[in-house]
């Protein structure tokens, strides 16, 4: 647990992977109390960071999707093509 990277310096994927690892370790019940508390604290930090990032992303999408009157409009997306050539060719 020592020399951990600052939560804000982790990518979303790195943070979520570390959180999953912490959850597995805590659920195993094999950790000492002190280590469990440190892991739990780190997990809370990671969870708060991940939730904040998701909220920021949701806000950005909402702003991008707002119509002219400022109302949010849900725009259904088409499934990505699985063809090897670009669709514009």
PDB file of N, CA and C in Angstrom:
ATOM      1  N   UNK A   1       0.808  -1.188   0.000  1.00  0.00           N
ATOM      2  CA  UNK A   1       0.000   0.000   0.000  1.00  0.00           C
ATOM      3  C   UNK A   1       0.861   1.266   0.000  1.00  0.00           C
ATOM      4  N   UNK A   2       2.103   1.157   0.395  1.00  0.00           N
ATOM      5  CA  UNK A   2       2.978   2.317   0.431  1.00  0.00           C
ATOM      6  C   UNK A   2       3.387   2.708  -0.985  1.00  0.00           C
ATOM      7  N   UNK A   3       3.780   3.980  -1.154  1.00  0.00           N
ATOM      8  CA  UNK A   3       4.220   4.503  -2.443  1.00  0.00           C
ATOM      9  C   UNK A   3       3.149   4.363  -3.521  1.00  0.00           C
ATOM     10  N   UNK A   4       1.915   4.632  -3.154  1.00  0.00           N
ATOM     11  CA  UNK A   4       0.832   4.549  -4.115  1.00  0.00           C
ATOM     12  C   UNK A   4       0.789   5.808  -4.964  1.00  0.00           C
ATOM     13  N   UNK A   5       0.368   5.621  -6.190  1.00  0.00           N
ATOM     14  CA  UNK A   5       0.185   6.750  -7.090  1.00  0.00           C
ATOM     15  C   UNK A   5      -1.010   7.557  -6.623  1.00  0.00           C
ATOM     16  N   UNK A   6      -0.910   8.864  -6.717  1.00  0.00           N
ATOM     17  CA  UNK A   6      -2.022   9.735  -6.378  1.00  0.00           C
ATOM     18  C   UNK A   6      -3.230   9.342  -7.231  1.00  0.00           C
ATOM     19  N   UNK A   7      -4.396   9.290  -6.626  1.00  0.00           N
ATOM     20  CA  UNK A   7      -5.616   8.863  -7.316  1.00  0.00           C
ATOM     21  C   UNK A   7      -5.869   9.700  -8.562  1.00  0.00           C
ATOM     22  N   UNK A   8      -5.608  11.005  -8.485  1.00  0.00           N
ATOM     23  CA  UNK A   8      -5.867  11.891  -9.622  1.00  0.00           C
ATOM     24  C   UNK A   8      -4.905  11.664 -10.788  1.00  0.00           C
ATOM     25  N   UNK A   9      -3.810  10.984 -10.536  1.00  0.00           N
ATOM     26  CA  UNK A   9      -2.837  10.706 -11.593  1.00  0.00           C
ATOM     27  C   UNK A   9      -3.120   9.398 -12.321  1.00  0.00           C
ATOM     28  N   UNK A  10      -4.053   8.605 -11.794  1.00  0.00           N
ATOM     29  CA  UNK A  10      -4.391   7.334 -12.419  1.00  0.00           C
ATOM     30  C   UNK A  10      -5.381   7.553 -13.555  1.00  0.00           C
ATOM     31  N   UNK A  11      -5.278   6.738 -14.584  1.00  0.00           N
ATOM     32  CA  UNK A  11      -6.301   6.768 -15.626  1.00  0.00           C
ATOM     33  C   UNK A  11      -7.566   6.151 -15.045  1.00  0.00           C
ATOM     34  N   UNK A  12      -8.681   6.342 -15.735  1.00  0.00           N
ATOM     35  CA  UNK A  12      -9.941   5.761 -15.266  1.00  0.00           C
ATOM     36  C   UNK A  12      -9.813   4.244 -15.156  1.00  0.00           C
ATOM     37  N   UNK A  13      -9.198   3.641 -16.163  1.00  0.00           N
ATOM     38  CA  UNK A  13      -9.037   2.189 -16.176  1.00  0.00           C
ATOM     39  C   UNK A  13      -8.153   1.721 -15.018  1.00  0.00           C
ATOM     40  N   UNK A  14      -7.052   2.421 -14.791  1.00  0.00           N
ATOM     41  CA  UNK A  14      -6.154   2.051 -13.694  1.00  0.00           C
ATOM     42  C   UNK A  14      -6.866   2.157 -12.341  1.00  0.00           C
ATOM     43  N   UNK A  15      -7.622   3.236 -12.160  1.00  0.00           N
ATOM     44  CA  UNK A  15      -8.333   3.441 -10.902  1.00  0.00           C
ATOM     45  C   UNK A  15      -9.402   2.369 -10.691  1.00  0.00           C
ATOM     46  N   UNK A  16     -10.148   2.048 -11.739  1.00  0.00           N
ATOM     47  CA  UNK A  16     -11.202   1.038 -11.577  1.00  0.00           C
ATOM     48  C   UNK A  16     -10.608  -0.351 -11.355  1.00  0.00           C
ATOM     49  N   UNK A  17      -9.487  -0.644 -11.999  1.00  0.00           N
ATOM     50  CA  UNK A  17      -8.817  -1.927 -11.793  1.00  0.00           C
ATOM     51  C   UNK A  17      -8.298  -2.041 -10.366  1.00  0.00           C
ATOM     52  N   UNK A  18      -7.697  -0.970  -9.870  1.00  0.00           N
ATOM     53  CA  UNK A  18      -7.201  -0.990  -8.482  1.00  0.00           C
ATOM     54  C   UNK A  18      -8.360  -1.144  -7.504  1.00  0.00           C
ATOM     55  N   UNK A  19      -9.471  -0.469  -7.757  1.00  0.00           N
ATOM     56  CA  UNK A  19     -10.632  -0.587  -6.880  1.00  0.00           C
ATOM     57  C   UNK A  19     -11.162  -2.021  -6.874  1.00  0.00           C
ATOM     58  N   UNK A  20     -11.236  -2.639  -8.037  1.00  0.00           N
ATOM     59  CA  UNK A  20     -11.681  -4.036  -8.108  1.00  0.00           C
ATOM     60  C   UNK A  20     -10.761  -4.948  -7.290  1.00  0.00           C
ATOM     61  N   UNK A  21      -9.460  -4.706  -7.385  1.00  0.00           N
ATOM     62  CA  UNK A  21      -8.474  -5.494  -6.636  1.00  0.00           C
ATOM     63  C   UNK A  21      -8.679  -5.311  -5.128  1.00  0.00           C
ATOM     64  N   UNK A  22      -8.901  -4.082  -4.704  1.00  0.00           N
ATOM     65  CA  UNK A  22      -9.125  -3.802  -3.286  1.00  0.00           C
ATOM     66  C   UNK A  22     -10.380  -4.512  -2.803  1.00  0.00           C
ATOM     67  N   UNK A  23     -11.440  -4.447  -3.600  1.00  0.00           N
ATOM     68  CA  UNK A  23     -12.701  -5.097  -3.207  1.00  0.00           C
ATOM     69  C   UNK A  23     -12.499  -6.599  -3.041  1.00  0.00           C
ATOM     70  N   UNK A  24     -11.804  -7.215  -3.998  1.00  0.00           N
ATOM     71  CA  UNK A  24     -11.545  -8.654  -3.897  1.00  0.00           C
ATOM     72  C   UNK A  24     -10.760  -8.996  -2.628  1.00  0.00           C
ATOM     73  N   UNK A  25      -9.740  -8.201  -2.346  1.00  0.00           N
ATOM     74  CA  UNK A  25      -8.925  -8.447  -1.149  1.00  0.00           C
ATOM     75  C   UNK A  25      -9.736  -8.274   0.131  1.00  0.00           C
ATOM     76  N   UNK A  26     -10.571  -7.239   0.175  1.00  0.00           N
ATOM     77  CA  UNK A  26     -11.390  -7.023   1.367  1.00  0.00           C
ATOM     78  C   UNK A  26     -12.414  -8.146   1.541  1.00  0.00           C
ATOM     79  N   UNK A  27     -12.994  -8.587   0.436  1.00  0.00           N
ATOM     80  CA  UNK A  27     -13.988  -9.657   0.515  1.00  0.00           C
ATOM     81  C   UNK A  27     -13.384 -10.999   0.916  1.00  0.00           C
ATOM     82  N   UNK A  28     -12.094 -11.167   0.662  1.00  0.00           N
ATOM     83  CA  UNK A  28     -11.454 -12.439   1.005  1.00  0.00           C
ATOM     84  C   UNK A  28     -11.398 -12.650   2.512  1.00  0.00           C
ATOM     85  N   UNK A  29     -11.343 -11.560   3.264  1.00  0.00           N
ATOM     86  CA  UNK A  29     -11.288 -11.664   4.716  1.00  0.00           C
ATOM     87  C   UNK A  29      -9.938 -12.089   5.257  1.00  0.00           C
ATOM     88  N   UNK A  30      -8.915 -12.135   4.421  1.00  0.00           N
ATOM     89  CA  UNK A  30      -7.595 -12.595   4.839  1.00  0.00           C
ATOM     90  C   UNK A  30      -6.668 -11.474   5.307  1.00  0.00           C
ATOM     91  N   UNK A  31      -7.126 -10.242   5.248  1.00  0.00           N
ATOM     92  CA  UNK A  31      -6.263  -9.108   5.579  1.00  0.00           C
ATOM     93  C   UNK A  31      -6.330  -8.784   7.066  1.00  0.00           C
ATOM     94  N   UNK A  32      -5.237  -8.266   7.594  1.00  0.00           N
ATOM     95  CA  UNK A  32      -5.200  -7.770   8.965  1.00  0.00           C
ATOM     96  C   UNK A  32      -6.042  -6.500   9.039  1.00  0.00           C
ATOM     97  N   UNK A  33      -6.474  -6.151  10.239  1.00  0.00           N
ATOM     98  CA  UNK A  33      -7.346  -4.997  10.441  1.00  0.00           C
ATOM     99  C   UNK A  33      -6.735  -3.712   9.886  1.00  0.00           C
ATOM    100  N   UNK A  34      -5.475  -3.452  10.211  1.00  0.00           N
ATOM    101  CA  UNK A  34      -4.833  -2.219   9.758  1.00  0.00           C
ATOM    102  C   UNK A  34      -4.759  -2.149   8.231  1.00  0.00           C
ATOM    103  N   UNK A  35      -4.398  -3.257   7.619  1.00  0.00           N
ATOM    104  CA  UNK A  35      -4.314  -3.302   6.156  1.00  0.00           C
ATOM    105  C   UNK A  35      -5.701  -3.146   5.541  1.00  0.00           C
ATOM    106  N   UNK A  36      -6.704  -3.724   6.171  1.00  0.00           N
ATOM    107  CA  UNK A  36      -8.078  -3.593   5.685  1.00  0.00           C
ATOM    108  C   UNK A  36      -8.529  -2.140   5.731  1.00  0.00           C
ATOM    109  N   UNK A  37      -8.211  -1.457   6.822  1.00  0.00           N
ATOM    110  CA  UNK A  37      -8.598  -0.053   6.954  1.00  0.00           C
ATOM    111  C   UNK A  37      -7.905   0.819   5.910  1.00  0.00           C
ATOM    112  N   UNK A  38      -6.616   0.565   5.675  1.00  0.00           N
ATOM    113  CA  UNK A  38      -5.887   1.312   4.651  1.00  0.00           C
ATOM    114  C   UNK A  38      -6.470   1.036   3.264  1.00  0.00           C
ATOM    115  N   UNK A  39      -6.758  -0.216   3.001  1.00  0.00           N
ATOM    116  CA  UNK A  39      -7.339  -0.585   1.706  1.00  0.00           C
ATOM    117  C   UNK A  39      -8.714   0.044   1.529  1.00  0.00           C
ATOM    118  N   UNK A  40      -9.514   0.009   2.593  1.00  0.00           N
ATOM    119  CA  UNK A  40     -10.853   0.593   2.525  1.00  0.00           C
ATOM    120  C   UNK A  40     -10.765   2.091   2.242  1.00  0.00           C
ATOM    121  N   UNK A  41      -9.854   2.771   2.934  1.00  0.00           N
ATOM    122  CA  UNK A  41      -9.670   4.213   2.732  1.00  0.00           C
ATOM    123  C   UNK A  41      -9.258   4.510   1.295  1.00  0.00           C
ATOM    124  N   UNK A  42      -8.321   3.740   0.779  1.00  0.00           N
ATOM    125  CA  UNK A  42      -7.886   3.916  -0.614  1.00  0.00           C
ATOM    126  C   UNK A  42      -9.060   3.641  -1.568  1.00  0.00           C
ATOM    127  N   UNK A  43      -9.840   2.618  -1.274  1.00  0.00           N
ATOM    128  CA  UNK A  43     -10.987   2.292  -2.101  1.00  0.00           C
ATOM    129  C   UNK A  43     -12.000   3.420  -2.143  1.00  0.00           C
ATOM    130  N   UNK A  44     -12.241   4.063  -1.004  1.00  0.00           N
ATOM    131  CA  UNK A  44     -13.164   5.202  -0.958  1.00  0.00           C
ATOM    132  C   UNK A  44     -12.627   6.345  -1.811  1.00  0.00           C
ATOM    133  N   UNK A  45     -11.332   6.614  -1.726  1.00  0.00           N
ATOM    134  CA  UNK A  45     -10.714   7.655  -2.558  1.00  0.00           C
ATOM    135  C   UNK A  45     -10.898   7.341  -4.042  1.00  0.00           C
ATOM    136  N   UNK A  46     -10.642   6.104  -4.407  1.00  0.00           N
ATOM    137  CA  UNK A  46     -10.785   5.693  -5.801  1.00  0.00           C
ATOM    138  C   UNK A  46     -12.233   5.811  -6.265  1.00  0.00           C
ATOM    139  N   UNK A  47     -13.157   5.365  -5.434  1.00  0.00           N
ATOM    140  CA  UNK A  47     -14.575   5.419  -5.789  1.00  0.00           C
ATOM    141  C   UNK A  47     -15.042   6.855  -5.979  1.00  0.00           C
ATOM    142  N   UNK A  48     -14.643   7.742  -5.090  1.00  0.00           N
ATOM    143  CA  UNK A  48     -15.011   9.162  -5.223  1.00  0.00           C
ATOM    144  C   UNK A  48     -14.444   9.748  -6.511  1.00  0.00           C
ATOM    145  N   UNK A  49     -13.220   9.408  -6.812  1.00  0.00           N
ATOM    146  CA  UNK A  49     -12.599   9.897  -8.038  1.00  0.00           C
ATOM    147  C   UNK A  49     -13.330   9.384  -9.274  1.00  0.00           C
ATOM    148  N   UNK A  50     -13.638   8.087  -9.279  1.00  0.00           N
ATOM    149  CA  UNK A  50     -14.333   7.496 -10.426  1.00  0.00           C
ATOM    150  C   UNK A  50     -15.721   8.097 -10.594  1.00  0.00           C
ATOM    151  N   UNK A  51     -16.438   8.274  -9.509  1.00  0.00           N
ATOM    152  CA  UNK A  51     -17.772   8.893  -9.583  1.00  0.00           C
ATOM    153  C   UNK A  51     -17.684  10.319 -10.103  1.00  0.00           C
ATOM    154  N   UNK A  52     -16.681  11.054  -9.642  1.00  0.00           N
ATOM    155  CA  UNK A  52     -16.496  12.424 -10.119  1.00  0.00           C
ATOM    156  C   UNK A  52     -16.199  12.473 -11.606  1.00  0.00           C
ATOM    157  N   UNK A  53     -15.361  11.560 -12.059  1.00  0.00           N
ATOM    158  CA  UNK A  53     -15.030  11.510 -13.483  1.00  0.00           C
ATOM    159  C   UNK A  53     -16.260  11.172 -14.320  1.00  0.00           C
ATOM    160  N   UNK A  54     -17.073  10.235 -13.828  1.00  0.00           N
ATOM    161  CA  UNK A  54     -18.292   9.876 -14.546  1.00  0.00           C
ATOM    162  C   UNK A  54     -19.264  11.052 -14.584  1.00  0.00           C
ATOM    163  N   UNK A  55     -19.387  11.767 -13.478  1.00  0.00           N
ATOM    164  CA  UNK A  55     -20.266  12.935 -13.442  1.00  0.00           C
ATOM    165  C   UNK A  55     -19.784  14.006 -14.412  1.00  0.00           C
ATOM    166  N   UNK A  56     -18.466  14.216 -14.474  1.00  0.00           N
ATOM    167  CA  UNK A  56     -17.906  15.189 -15.415  1.00  0.00           C
ATOM    168  C   UNK A  56     -18.190  14.780 -16.858  1.00  0.00           C
ATOM    169  N   UNK A  57     -17.993  13.509 -17.152  1.00  0.00           N
ATOM    170  CA  UNK A  57     -18.244  13.015 -18.507  1.00  0.00           C
ATOM    171  C   UNK A  57     -19.719  13.150 -18.855  1.00  0.00           C
ATOM    172  N   UNK A  58     -20.589  12.833 -17.905  1.00  0.00           N
ATOM    173  CA  UNK A  58     -22.031  12.958 -18.139  1.00  0.00           C
ATOM    174  C   UNK A  58     -22.406  14.412 -18.415  1.00  0.00           C
ATOM    175  N   UNK A  59     -21.810  15.334 -17.669  1.00  0.00           N
ATOM    176  CA  UNK A  59     -22.078  16.756 -17.871  1.00  0.00           C
ATOM    177  C   UNK A  59     -21.609  17.192 -19.257  1.00  0.00           C
ATOM    178  N   UNK A  60     -20.444  16.753 -19.676  1.00  0.00           N
ATOM    179  CA  UNK A  60     -19.933  17.114 -20.997  1.00  0.00           C
ATOM    180  C   UNK A  60     -20.848  16.589 -22.099  1.00  0.00           C
ATOM    181  N   UNK A  61     -21.287  15.349 -21.960  1.00  0.00           N
ATOM    182  CA  UNK A  61     -22.190  14.770 -22.949  1.00  0.00           C
ATOM    183  C   UNK A  61     -23.502  15.541 -22.964  1.00  0.00           C
ATOM    184  N   UNK A  62     -23.999  15.888 -21.792  1.00  0.00           N
ATOM    185  CA  UNK A  62     -25.250  16.635 -21.691  1.00  0.00           C
ATOM    186  C   UNK A  62     -25.132  17.984 -22.394  1.00  0.00           C
ATOM    187  N   UNK A  63     -24.024  18.670 -22.196  1.00  0.00           N
ATOM    188  CA  UNK A  63     -23.811  19.958 -22.846  1.00  0.00           C
ATOM    189  C   UNK A  63     -23.747  19.775 -24.362  1.00  0.00           C
ATOM    190  N   UNK A  64     -23.055  18.755 -24.813  1.00  0.00           N
ATOM    191  CA  UNK A  64     -22.932  18.513 -26.246  1.00  0.00           C
ATOM    192  C   UNK A  64     -24.257  18.126 -26.881  1.00  0.00           C
ATOM    193  N   UNK A  65     -25.120  17.492 -26.101  1.00  0.00           N
ATOM    194  CA  UNK A  65     -26.379  17.001 -26.640  1.00  0.00           C
ATOM    195  C   UNK A  65     -27.541  17.986 -26.460  1.00  0.00           C
ATOM    196  N   UNK A  66     -27.296  19.110 -25.799  1.00  0.00           N
ATOM    197  CA  UNK A  66     -28.371  20.070 -25.553  1.00  0.00           C
ATOM    198  C   UNK A  66     -28.853  20.668 -26.875  1.00  0.00           C
ATOM    199  N   UNK A  67     -30.172  20.833 -26.978  1.00  0.00           N
ATOM    200  CA  UNK A  67     -30.709  21.436 -28.201  1.00  0.00           C
ATOM    201  C   UNK A  67     -30.639  22.957 -28.097  1.00  0.00           C
ATOM    202  N   UNK A  68     -31.168  23.631 -29.067  1.00  0.00           N
ATOM    203  CA  UNK A  68     -31.065  25.090 -29.140  1.00  0.00           C
ATOM    204  C   UNK A  68     -31.737  25.783 -27.967  1.00  0.00           C
ATOM    205  N   UNK A  69     -32.788  25.189 -27.411  1.00  0.00           N
ATOM    206  CA  UNK A  69     -33.503  25.772 -26.277  1.00  0.00           C
ATOM    207  C   UNK A  69     -32.859  25.432 -24.939  1.00  0.00           C
ATOM    208  N   UNK A  70     -31.796  24.658 -24.949  1.00  0.00           N
ATOM    209  CA  UNK A  70     -31.115  24.282 -23.727  1.00  0.00           C
ATOM    210  C   UNK A  70     -31.655  23.014 -23.098  1.00  0.00           C
ATOM    211  N   UNK A  71     -32.583  22.351 -23.768  1.00  0.00           N
ATOM    212  CA  UNK A  71     -33.123  21.094 -23.242  1.00  0.00           C
ATOM    213  C   UNK A  71     -32.240  19.944 -23.681  1.00  0.00           C
ATOM    214  N   UNK A  72     -32.039  19.013 -22.785  1.00  0.00           N
ATOM    215  CA  UNK A  72     -31.257  17.833 -23.140  1.00  0.00           C
ATOM    216  C   UNK A  72     -32.049  16.969 -24.107  1.00  0.00           C
ATOM    217  N   UNK A  73     -31.370  16.523 -25.143  1.00  0.00           N
ATOM    218  CA  UNK A  73     -31.996  15.667 -26.139  1.00  0.00           C
ATOM    219  C   UNK A  73     -31.183  14.385 -26.223  1.00  0.00           C
ATOM    220  N   UNK A  74     -31.846  13.262 -26.028  1.00  0.00           N
ATOM    221  CA  UNK A  74     -31.162  11.984 -26.142  1.00  0.00           C
ATOM    222  C   UNK A  74     -31.084  11.613 -27.605  1.00  0.00           C
ATOM    223  N   UNK A  75     -29.883  11.479 -28.108  1.00  0.00           N
ATOM    224  CA  UNK A  75     -29.661  11.138 -29.505  1.00  0.00           C
ATOM    225  C   UNK A  75     -29.257   9.678 -29.599  1.00  0.00           C
ATOM    226  N   UNK A  76     -30.113   8.828 -30.158  1.00  0.00           N
ATOM    227  CA  UNK A  76     -29.713   7.428 -30.302  1.00  0.00           C
ATOM    228  C   UNK A  76     -28.549   7.309 -31.274  1.00  0.00           C
ATOM    229  N   UNK A  77     -27.642   6.445 -30.948  1.00  0.00           N
ATOM    230  CA  UNK A  77     -26.465   6.248 -31.792  1.00  0.00           C
ATOM    231  C   UNK A  77     -26.629   4.984 -32.615  1.00  0.00           C
ATOM    232  N   UNK A  78     -26.035   4.993 -33.800  1.00  0.00           N
ATOM    233  CA  UNK A  78     -26.018   3.801 -34.633  1.00  0.00           C
ATOM    234  C   UNK A  78     -24.883   2.900 -34.177  1.00  0.00           C
ATOM    235  N   UNK A  79     -25.070   1.621 -34.322  1.00  0.00           N
ATOM    236  CA  UNK A  79     -24.016   0.674 -33.976  1.00  0.00           C
ATOM    237  C   UNK A  79     -22.832   0.866 -34.917  1.00  0.00           C
ATOM    238  N   UNK A  80     -21.660   0.701 -34.392  1.00  0.00           N
ATOM    239  CA  UNK A  80     -20.452   0.827 -35.202  1.00  0.00           C
ATOM    240  C   UNK A  80     -20.390  -0.296 -36.218  1.00  0.00           C
ATOM    241  N   UNK A  81     -19.868   0.028 -37.382  1.00  0.00           N
ATOM    242  CA  UNK A  81     -19.718  -0.969 -38.429  1.00  0.00           C
ATOM    243  C   UNK A  81     -18.565  -1.902 -38.100  1.00  0.00           C
ATOM    244  N   UNK A  82     -18.709  -3.145 -38.467  1.00  0.00           N
ATOM    245  CA  UNK A  82     -17.634  -4.105 -38.251  1.00  0.00           C
ATOM    246  C   UNK A  82     -16.867  -4.378 -39.536  1.00  0.00           C
ATOM    247  N   UNK A  83     -17.171  -3.609 -40.579  1.00  0.00           N
ATOM    248  CA  UNK A  83     -16.468  -3.767 -41.853  1.00  0.00           C
ATOM    249  C   UNK A  83     -15.056  -3.219 -41.746  1.00  0.00           C
ATOM    250  N   UNK A  84     -14.177  -3.734 -42.600  1.00  0.00           N
ATOM    251  CA  UNK A  84     -12.786  -3.297 -42.596  1.00  0.00           C
ATOM    252  C   UNK A  84     -12.588  -1.930 -43.261  1.00  0.00           C
ATOM    253  N   UNK A  85     -13.461  -1.579 -44.166  1.00  0.00           N
ATOM    254  CA  UNK A  85     -13.299  -0.303 -44.849  1.00  0.00           C
ATOM    255  C   UNK A  85     -14.174   0.760 -44.201  1.00  0.00           C
ATOM    256  N   UNK A  86     -13.740   2.019 -44.235  1.00  0.00           N
ATOM    257  CA  UNK A  86     -14.534   3.103 -43.651  1.00  0.00           C
ATOM    258  C   UNK A  86     -15.868   3.227 -44.379  1.00  0.00           C
ATOM    259  N   UNK A  87     -16.904   3.649 -43.656  1.00  0.00           N
ATOM    260  CA  UNK A  87     -18.236   3.746 -44.237  1.00  0.00           C
ATOM    261  C   UNK A  87     -18.378   4.865 -45.254  1.00  0.00           C
ATOM    262  N   UNK A  88     -17.439   5.844 -45.245  1.00  0.00           N
ATOM    263  CA  UNK A  88     -17.551   6.954 -46.176  1.00  0.00           C
ATOM    264  C   UNK A  88     -16.941   6.652 -47.535  1.00  0.00           C
ATOM    265  N   UNK A  89     -16.349   5.481 -47.714  1.00  0.00           N
ATOM    266  CA  UNK A  89     -15.770   5.121 -49.018  1.00  0.00           C
ATOM    267  C   UNK A  89     -16.776   4.446 -49.905  1.00  0.00           C
TER     268      UNK A  89
END
